[in-house]
N, C-alpha and C. Protein backbone atom coordinates (compact mmCIF):
# COMPACT_ATOMS: atom_id res chain seq x y z
N MET A 1 15.01 9.10 9.67
CA MET A 1 13.76 8.97 10.39
C MET A 1 14.08 8.63 11.85
N GLY A 2 13.37 9.24 12.76
CA GLY A 2 13.56 8.96 14.18
C GLY A 2 12.24 8.72 14.86
N ILE A 3 12.27 7.90 15.87
CA ILE A 3 11.06 7.62 16.66
C ILE A 3 11.41 7.88 18.11
N ASN A 4 10.59 8.67 18.77
CA ASN A 4 10.77 8.97 20.18
C ASN A 4 9.44 8.70 20.86
N SER A 5 9.27 7.49 21.34
CA SER A 5 8.00 7.08 21.95
C SER A 5 8.27 6.31 23.24
N VAL A 6 7.55 6.68 24.30
CA VAL A 6 7.71 6.05 25.60
C VAL A 6 6.33 5.62 26.09
N THR A 7 6.22 4.37 26.55
CA THR A 7 4.99 3.86 27.15
C THR A 7 5.37 3.22 28.48
N LEU A 8 4.73 3.66 29.55
CA LEU A 8 5.05 3.17 30.89
C LEU A 8 3.77 2.88 31.67
N VAL A 9 3.84 1.89 32.56
CA VAL A 9 2.77 1.60 33.50
C VAL A 9 3.42 1.46 34.87
N GLY A 10 2.91 2.21 35.82
CA GLY A 10 3.48 2.17 37.16
C GLY A 10 2.64 2.95 38.14
N ARG A 11 3.24 3.31 39.26
CA ARG A 11 2.51 4.03 40.32
C ARG A 11 3.11 5.41 40.52
N ALA A 12 2.22 6.37 40.77
CA ALA A 12 2.64 7.75 41.03
C ALA A 12 3.47 7.78 42.31
N GLY A 13 4.63 8.42 42.24
CA GLY A 13 5.52 8.50 43.39
C GLY A 13 5.13 9.59 44.36
N ARG A 14 4.33 10.53 43.91
CA ARG A 14 3.84 11.62 44.75
C ARG A 14 2.63 12.24 44.09
N ASP A 15 1.91 13.06 44.84
CA ASP A 15 0.80 13.79 44.25
C ASP A 15 1.36 14.75 43.19
N PRO A 16 0.60 14.99 42.12
CA PRO A 16 1.08 15.91 41.08
C PRO A 16 1.28 17.32 41.64
N GLU A 17 2.33 17.95 41.16
CA GLU A 17 2.58 19.37 41.45
C GLU A 17 2.01 20.13 40.25
N VAL A 18 0.98 20.93 40.48
CA VAL A 18 0.25 21.56 39.38
C VAL A 18 0.48 23.07 39.38
N ARG A 19 0.74 23.62 38.19
CA ARG A 19 0.90 25.07 38.04
C ARG A 19 -0.05 25.56 36.95
N TYR A 20 -0.70 26.68 37.25
CA TYR A 20 -1.61 27.34 36.31
C TYR A 20 -0.96 28.64 35.86
N PHE A 21 -1.06 28.92 34.56
CA PHE A 21 -0.46 30.11 33.99
C PHE A 21 -1.53 31.10 33.58
N GLU A 22 -1.17 32.40 33.50
CA GLU A 22 -2.11 33.44 33.11
C GLU A 22 -2.69 33.18 31.73
N SER A 23 -1.93 32.52 30.87
CA SER A 23 -2.39 32.23 29.52
C SER A 23 -3.52 31.20 29.50
N GLY A 24 -3.75 30.54 30.66
CA GLY A 24 -4.77 29.49 30.72
C GLY A 24 -4.17 28.09 30.66
N SER A 25 -2.88 28.00 30.38
CA SER A 25 -2.21 26.70 30.33
C SER A 25 -2.06 26.13 31.73
N VAL A 26 -2.00 24.82 31.78
CA VAL A 26 -1.78 24.12 33.05
C VAL A 26 -0.75 23.02 32.82
N VAL A 27 0.13 22.82 33.81
CA VAL A 27 1.12 21.76 33.73
C VAL A 27 1.15 21.02 35.06
N ALA A 28 1.28 19.70 34.98
CA ALA A 28 1.41 18.86 36.17
C ALA A 28 2.73 18.10 36.07
N ASN A 29 3.48 18.10 37.16
CA ASN A 29 4.73 17.35 37.23
C ASN A 29 4.64 16.35 38.37
N LEU A 30 5.10 15.14 38.13
CA LEU A 30 5.13 14.11 39.16
C LEU A 30 6.15 13.06 38.79
N THR A 31 6.40 12.16 39.73
CA THR A 31 7.30 11.05 39.46
C THR A 31 6.48 9.78 39.37
N MET A 32 7.07 8.79 38.73
CA MET A 32 6.40 7.51 38.53
C MET A 32 7.40 6.39 38.76
N ALA A 33 7.01 5.38 39.53
CA ALA A 33 7.84 4.20 39.78
C ALA A 33 7.33 3.05 38.93
N VAL A 34 8.24 2.43 38.20
CA VAL A 34 7.89 1.29 37.35
C VAL A 34 8.71 0.10 37.83
N ASN A 35 8.01 -0.95 38.26
CA ASN A 35 8.69 -2.15 38.75
C ASN A 35 9.39 -2.87 37.61
N ARG A 36 10.47 -3.53 37.95
CA ARG A 36 11.18 -4.39 37.00
C ARG A 36 10.57 -5.78 37.08
N ARG A 37 10.93 -6.63 36.15
CA ARG A 37 10.38 -7.99 36.13
C ARG A 37 10.73 -8.76 37.40
N ASN A 38 11.96 -8.58 37.87
CA ASN A 38 12.40 -9.25 39.09
C ASN A 38 11.97 -8.39 40.28
N ARG A 39 11.08 -8.89 41.11
CA ARG A 39 10.52 -8.13 42.22
C ARG A 39 11.56 -7.68 43.24
N GLU A 40 12.72 -8.36 43.30
CA GLU A 40 13.74 -7.97 44.26
C GLU A 40 14.50 -6.71 43.82
N ASP A 41 14.44 -6.39 42.52
CA ASP A 41 15.12 -5.20 42.01
C ASP A 41 14.35 -3.94 42.40
N GLU A 42 15.10 -2.87 42.56
CA GLU A 42 14.49 -1.57 42.84
C GLU A 42 13.72 -1.11 41.59
N PRO A 43 12.62 -0.35 41.78
CA PRO A 43 11.89 0.15 40.62
C PRO A 43 12.67 1.25 39.90
N ASP A 44 12.35 1.47 38.64
CA ASP A 44 12.91 2.59 37.89
C ASP A 44 12.00 3.80 38.11
N TRP A 45 12.60 4.98 38.27
CA TRP A 45 11.84 6.21 38.52
C TRP A 45 11.91 7.12 37.31
N PHE A 46 10.78 7.72 36.97
CA PHE A 46 10.68 8.62 35.83
C PHE A 46 10.03 9.93 36.25
N ASN A 47 10.53 11.03 35.71
CA ASN A 47 9.91 12.34 35.89
C ASN A 47 8.90 12.53 34.77
N LEU A 48 7.66 12.91 35.12
CA LEU A 48 6.62 13.12 34.13
C LEU A 48 6.23 14.59 34.06
N GLU A 49 5.97 15.07 32.84
CA GLU A 49 5.49 16.42 32.60
C GLU A 49 4.22 16.29 31.75
N ILE A 50 3.12 16.80 32.27
CA ILE A 50 1.83 16.65 31.59
C ILE A 50 1.23 18.05 31.40
N TRP A 51 0.77 18.36 30.19
CA TRP A 51 0.21 19.67 29.88
C TRP A 51 -1.27 19.57 29.51
N GLY A 52 -1.98 20.68 29.65
CA GLY A 52 -3.34 20.83 29.16
C GLY A 52 -4.38 20.02 29.91
N LYS A 53 -5.33 19.50 29.16
CA LYS A 53 -6.45 18.75 29.75
C LYS A 53 -5.97 17.53 30.53
N GLN A 54 -4.96 16.85 30.00
CA GLN A 54 -4.41 15.68 30.69
C GLN A 54 -3.82 16.09 32.06
N ALA A 55 -3.23 17.29 32.13
CA ALA A 55 -2.68 17.79 33.39
C ALA A 55 -3.78 18.02 34.41
N GLN A 56 -4.92 18.54 33.95
CA GLN A 56 -6.04 18.77 34.87
C GLN A 56 -6.60 17.45 35.37
N ILE A 57 -6.65 16.45 34.51
CA ILE A 57 -7.10 15.11 34.93
C ILE A 57 -6.15 14.56 35.98
N ALA A 58 -4.84 14.72 35.77
CA ALA A 58 -3.86 14.27 36.75
C ALA A 58 -4.07 14.99 38.08
N ALA A 59 -4.30 16.30 38.02
CA ALA A 59 -4.51 17.09 39.24
C ALA A 59 -5.74 16.62 40.01
N ASP A 60 -6.78 16.25 39.28
CA ASP A 60 -8.05 15.88 39.91
C ASP A 60 -8.08 14.44 40.41
N TYR A 61 -7.37 13.53 39.74
CA TYR A 61 -7.57 12.11 40.02
C TYR A 61 -6.32 11.32 40.43
N VAL A 62 -5.13 11.81 40.15
CA VAL A 62 -3.92 11.05 40.47
C VAL A 62 -3.42 11.46 41.85
N LYS A 63 -3.16 10.48 42.68
CA LYS A 63 -2.59 10.68 44.01
C LYS A 63 -1.39 9.75 44.16
N LYS A 64 -0.56 9.99 45.15
CA LYS A 64 0.57 9.12 45.41
C LYS A 64 0.10 7.68 45.52
N GLY A 65 0.74 6.78 44.77
CA GLY A 65 0.39 5.37 44.78
C GLY A 65 -0.62 4.97 43.72
N SER A 66 -1.23 5.93 43.01
CA SER A 66 -2.20 5.62 41.96
C SER A 66 -1.53 4.85 40.83
N LEU A 67 -2.22 3.81 40.33
CA LEU A 67 -1.74 3.06 39.18
C LEU A 67 -2.11 3.82 37.92
N ILE A 68 -1.10 4.18 37.12
CA ILE A 68 -1.34 4.96 35.90
C ILE A 68 -0.53 4.39 34.75
N GLY A 69 -1.00 4.69 33.55
CA GLY A 69 -0.27 4.37 32.33
C GLY A 69 -0.06 5.66 31.56
N VAL A 70 1.09 5.83 30.96
CA VAL A 70 1.38 7.04 30.19
C VAL A 70 2.00 6.68 28.85
N THR A 71 1.72 7.50 27.86
CA THR A 71 2.37 7.43 26.56
C THR A 71 2.86 8.83 26.25
N GLY A 72 4.07 8.94 25.78
CA GLY A 72 4.61 10.25 25.47
C GLY A 72 5.96 10.14 24.80
N SER A 73 6.78 11.17 25.00
CA SER A 73 8.10 11.20 24.38
C SER A 73 9.15 11.60 25.42
N PHE A 74 10.36 11.18 25.18
CA PHE A 74 11.48 11.46 26.06
C PHE A 74 12.10 12.79 25.67
N LYS A 75 12.44 13.61 26.69
CA LYS A 75 13.17 14.85 26.43
C LYS A 75 14.15 15.09 27.56
N MET A 76 15.10 15.96 27.34
CA MET A 76 16.09 16.29 28.35
C MET A 76 15.90 17.76 28.72
N ASP A 77 15.53 18.02 29.99
CA ASP A 77 15.45 19.39 30.49
C ASP A 77 16.85 19.84 30.89
N SER A 78 17.24 21.03 30.46
CA SER A 78 18.56 21.57 30.79
C SER A 78 18.40 22.97 31.37
N TRP A 79 19.26 23.31 32.36
CA TRP A 79 19.25 24.62 32.97
C TRP A 79 20.59 24.87 33.65
N LYS A 80 20.81 26.12 34.03
CA LYS A 80 22.01 26.49 34.79
C LYS A 80 21.63 26.61 36.26
N ASP A 81 22.40 25.95 37.12
CA ASP A 81 22.18 26.01 38.56
C ASP A 81 22.43 27.45 39.03
N ARG A 82 21.45 28.03 39.72
CA ARG A 82 21.57 29.43 40.17
C ARG A 82 22.68 29.61 41.20
N ASN A 83 22.92 28.60 42.03
CA ASN A 83 23.92 28.73 43.09
C ASN A 83 25.34 28.49 42.60
N THR A 84 25.52 27.47 41.77
CA THR A 84 26.87 27.09 41.35
C THR A 84 27.22 27.53 39.93
N GLY A 85 26.19 27.85 39.13
CA GLY A 85 26.44 28.22 37.74
C GLY A 85 26.69 27.02 36.84
N GLU A 86 26.63 25.81 37.41
CA GLU A 86 26.87 24.60 36.62
C GLU A 86 25.68 24.26 35.74
N ASP A 87 25.98 23.65 34.60
CA ASP A 87 24.91 23.16 33.73
C ASP A 87 24.29 21.92 34.37
N ARG A 88 22.99 21.86 34.41
CA ARG A 88 22.25 20.72 34.97
C ARG A 88 21.29 20.20 33.91
N ASN A 89 20.91 18.93 34.05
CA ASN A 89 19.88 18.37 33.18
C ASN A 89 19.23 17.18 33.86
N LYS A 90 18.03 16.87 33.41
CA LYS A 90 17.34 15.68 33.90
C LYS A 90 16.43 15.16 32.80
N PRO A 91 16.33 13.83 32.70
CA PRO A 91 15.44 13.24 31.70
C PRO A 91 13.99 13.37 32.16
N VAL A 92 13.11 13.67 31.21
CA VAL A 92 11.69 13.86 31.49
C VAL A 92 10.87 13.16 30.41
N VAL A 93 9.76 12.56 30.81
CA VAL A 93 8.81 12.02 29.84
C VAL A 93 7.70 13.05 29.69
N ARG A 94 7.56 13.60 28.49
CA ARG A 94 6.48 14.54 28.19
C ARG A 94 5.27 13.69 27.80
N VAL A 95 4.26 13.68 28.67
CA VAL A 95 3.12 12.79 28.52
C VAL A 95 2.10 13.38 27.55
N ASP A 96 1.73 12.57 26.55
CA ASP A 96 0.67 12.94 25.61
C ASP A 96 -0.66 12.33 26.01
N ARG A 97 -0.58 11.15 26.63
CA ARG A 97 -1.81 10.44 27.01
C ARG A 97 -1.63 9.84 28.40
N LEU A 98 -2.60 10.10 29.27
CA LEU A 98 -2.60 9.60 30.63
C LEU A 98 -3.78 8.65 30.80
N GLU A 99 -3.52 7.46 31.31
CA GLU A 99 -4.57 6.48 31.57
C GLU A 99 -4.63 6.21 33.07
N LEU A 100 -5.83 6.32 33.64
CA LEU A 100 -6.05 5.99 35.05
C LEU A 100 -6.39 4.52 35.11
N LEU A 101 -5.49 3.71 35.65
CA LEU A 101 -5.64 2.25 35.59
C LEU A 101 -6.20 1.65 36.87
N GLY A 102 -6.14 2.35 37.97
CA GLY A 102 -6.65 1.82 39.22
C GLY A 102 -8.17 1.78 39.19
N SER A 103 -8.75 0.85 39.94
CA SER A 103 -10.20 0.75 40.01
C SER A 103 -10.75 1.83 40.93
N LYS A 104 -12.05 2.06 40.85
CA LYS A 104 -12.70 3.02 41.73
C LYS A 104 -12.53 2.58 43.19
N ARG A 105 -12.63 1.30 43.43
CA ARG A 105 -12.48 0.76 44.79
C ARG A 105 -11.07 1.04 45.31
N GLU A 106 -10.07 0.85 44.44
CA GLU A 106 -8.68 1.09 44.85
C GLU A 106 -8.49 2.55 45.26
N SER A 107 -9.05 3.48 44.50
CA SER A 107 -8.88 4.88 44.84
C SER A 107 -9.65 5.24 46.11
N GLU A 108 -10.80 4.61 46.33
CA GLU A 108 -11.54 4.85 47.57
C GLU A 108 -10.76 4.29 48.76
N ASN A 109 -10.16 3.11 48.61
CA ASN A 109 -9.34 2.52 49.68
C ASN A 109 -8.12 3.39 49.94
N SER A 110 -7.52 3.94 48.88
CA SER A 110 -6.36 4.81 49.04
C SER A 110 -6.75 6.05 49.83
N ASN A 111 -7.90 6.63 49.52
CA ASN A 111 -8.36 7.81 50.26
C ASN A 111 -8.62 7.45 51.71
N PHE A 112 -9.18 6.26 51.97
CA PHE A 112 -9.45 5.83 53.33
C PHE A 112 -8.14 5.67 54.09
N GLN A 113 -7.15 5.05 53.45
CA GLN A 113 -5.86 4.83 54.10
C GLN A 113 -5.17 6.15 54.39
N ASN A 114 -5.28 7.11 53.49
CA ASN A 114 -4.63 8.40 53.70
C ASN A 114 -5.26 9.15 54.85
N ASN A 115 -6.53 8.89 55.15
CA ASN A 115 -7.21 9.59 56.23
C ASN A 115 -7.19 8.81 57.53
N SER A 116 -6.67 7.60 57.52
CA SER A 116 -6.63 6.76 58.72
C SER A 116 -5.27 6.90 59.39
N PHE A 117 -5.27 6.99 60.71
CA PHE A 117 -4.02 7.18 61.44
C PHE A 117 -3.24 5.88 61.63
N ASN A 118 -3.92 4.76 61.73
CA ASN A 118 -3.24 3.50 62.04
C ASN A 118 -3.04 2.61 60.83
N GLN A 119 -3.64 2.93 59.71
CA GLN A 119 -3.60 2.09 58.52
C GLN A 119 -2.39 2.45 57.68
N GLN A 120 -1.59 1.46 57.28
CA GLN A 120 -0.46 1.69 56.40
C GLN A 120 -0.50 0.68 55.26
N PRO A 121 -0.19 1.14 54.02
CA PRO A 121 -0.18 0.20 52.90
C PRO A 121 0.94 -0.80 53.05
N SER A 122 0.72 -2.00 52.53
CA SER A 122 1.76 -3.03 52.62
C SER A 122 2.84 -2.72 51.59
N ASN A 123 4.02 -3.22 51.81
CA ASN A 123 5.14 -2.98 50.90
C ASN A 123 4.94 -3.66 49.56
N ASP A 124 4.07 -4.68 49.50
CA ASP A 124 3.82 -5.37 48.24
C ASP A 124 2.97 -4.55 47.30
N GLU A 125 2.17 -3.62 47.82
CA GLU A 125 1.25 -2.87 47.00
C GLU A 125 1.89 -1.67 46.33
N ILE A 126 2.81 -0.98 47.04
CA ILE A 126 3.40 0.24 46.50
C ILE A 126 4.91 0.06 46.44
N PRO A 127 5.52 0.35 45.27
CA PRO A 127 6.94 0.04 45.09
C PRO A 127 7.90 1.04 45.73
N PHE A 128 7.45 1.84 46.68
CA PHE A 128 8.34 2.83 47.29
C PHE A 128 8.02 3.01 48.74
């Protein structure tokens, strides 16, 4: 018997990169920073892959710095580098459930900050 379950809470490292396919499928890829218990430590970074309805929700509502929670499974993406021919791989969390944890006010403030030229988020708020 094996269990492959991942649960994370953190902040989106970038806006989701969304792709739509002719079949009607949609996928969103983004990174997520998760702080460690000790605030002086660097955060851990995770690659997220989200499919279907959850991907569309990510596309519509998740922005860089958004507080999110995810539940899914760990997988290893593997491919051959086109330039060198070397085998490459990267760990990915395939998200089954996406939770938007930030408040409405937080997302409105984030939108205001993104549109303001002089406003910058403090280093305490975003782990990157």
